[in-house]
């Protein structure tokens, strides 16, 4: 019974190893692979870019209106 328990513990500890994952993450091919969620994350990135452009446009419009009013923001 003890031998079986010891054997099971050794197998469990051996299964917990896995130093190859870190080496795979540093591989340049790891960064270039396509993931399932790429289309969704690309859409989110584009939305953030559009939002930034909208904020820039609003800031420019606010500055133009403030200049047209004479600079008084009351």
Protein backbone atom coordinates (compact mmCIF):
# COMPACT_ATOMS: atom_id res chain seq x y z
CA UNK A 1 0.00 0.00 0.00
CA UNK A 2 2.84 2.37 0.83
CA UNK A 3 4.56 1.61 -2.45
CA UNK A 4 1.38 2.44 -4.36
CA UNK A 5 1.00 5.71 -2.46
CA UNK A 6 4.65 6.61 -3.04
CA UNK A 7 4.36 5.70 -6.72
CA UNK A 8 1.21 7.84 -7.05
CA UNK A 9 2.92 10.80 -5.37
CA UNK A 10 5.90 10.50 -7.72
CA UNK A 11 3.65 10.41 -10.77
CA UNK A 12 1.70 13.44 -9.52
CA UNK A 13 4.90 15.41 -8.92
CA UNK A 14 6.28 14.46 -12.31
CA UNK A 15 3.07 15.65 -13.96
CA UNK A 16 3.43 19.05 -12.29
CA UNK A 17 6.71 19.73 -14.08
CA UNK A 18 6.63 21.73 -17.27
CA UNK A 19 9.57 24.00 -17.86
CA UNK A 20 8.98 23.91 -21.62
CA UNK A 21 6.13 26.46 -21.46
CA UNK A 22 8.46 29.37 -20.66
CA UNK A 23 10.75 28.48 -23.54
CA UNK A 24 7.79 28.38 -25.91
CA UNK A 25 6.61 31.85 -24.86
CA UNK A 26 9.98 33.41 -25.70
CA UNK A 27 9.90 31.87 -29.18
CA UNK A 28 9.20 34.56 -31.85
CA UNK A 29 6.67 32.26 -33.52
CA UNK A 30 4.61 32.34 -30.30
CA UNK A 31 3.88 36.06 -30.79
CA UNK A 32 2.94 35.69 -34.45
CA UNK A 33 0.32 33.01 -34.06
CA UNK A 34 -3.31 33.89 -34.49
CA UNK A 35 -5.64 33.45 -31.54
CA UNK A 36 -9.35 32.77 -31.50
CA UNK A 37 -10.11 36.17 -29.97
CA UNK A 38 -8.03 38.24 -32.42
CA UNK A 39 -11.04 39.56 -34.38
CA UNK A 40 -12.70 40.75 -31.17
CA UNK A 41 -9.58 42.37 -29.76
CA UNK A 42 -8.86 44.03 -33.11
CA UNK A 43 -12.37 45.50 -33.05
CA UNK A 44 -11.84 46.84 -29.54
CA UNK A 45 -8.52 48.39 -30.56
CA UNK A 46 -10.14 50.10 -33.55
CA UNK A 47 -12.94 51.41 -31.32
CA UNK A 48 -10.39 52.89 -28.93
CA UNK A 49 -8.64 54.61 -31.84
CA UNK A 50 -11.94 56.05 -33.07
CA UNK A 51 -12.76 57.23 -29.55
CA UNK A 52 -9.39 58.99 -29.32
CA UNK A 53 -10.00 60.68 -32.68
CA UNK A 54 -13.43 61.82 -31.47
CA UNK A 55 -11.95 63.28 -28.30
CA UNK A 56 -9.30 65.12 -30.32
CA UNK A 57 -11.97 66.48 -32.65
CA UNK A 58 -14.08 67.64 -29.68
CA UNK A 59 -11.07 69.33 -28.08
CA UNK A 60 -10.28 71.17 -31.32
CA UNK A 61 -13.93 72.22 -31.68
CA UNK A 62 -14.05 73.46 -28.06
CA UNK A 63 -10.88 75.50 -28.63
CA UNK A 64 -12.31 76.98 -31.83
CA UNK A 65 -15.56 77.91 -30.10
CA UNK A 66 -13.72 79.40 -27.18
CA UNK A 67 -11.60 81.48 -29.57
CA UNK A 68 -14.73 82.64 -31.42
CA UNK A 69 -16.35 83.72 -28.15
CA UNK A 70 -13.37 85.87 -27.29
CA UNK A 71 -11.74 83.51 -24.83
CA UNK A 72 -14.29 84.06 -22.05
CA UNK A 73 -15.44 80.76 -20.65
CA UNK A 74 -18.14 81.95 -18.25
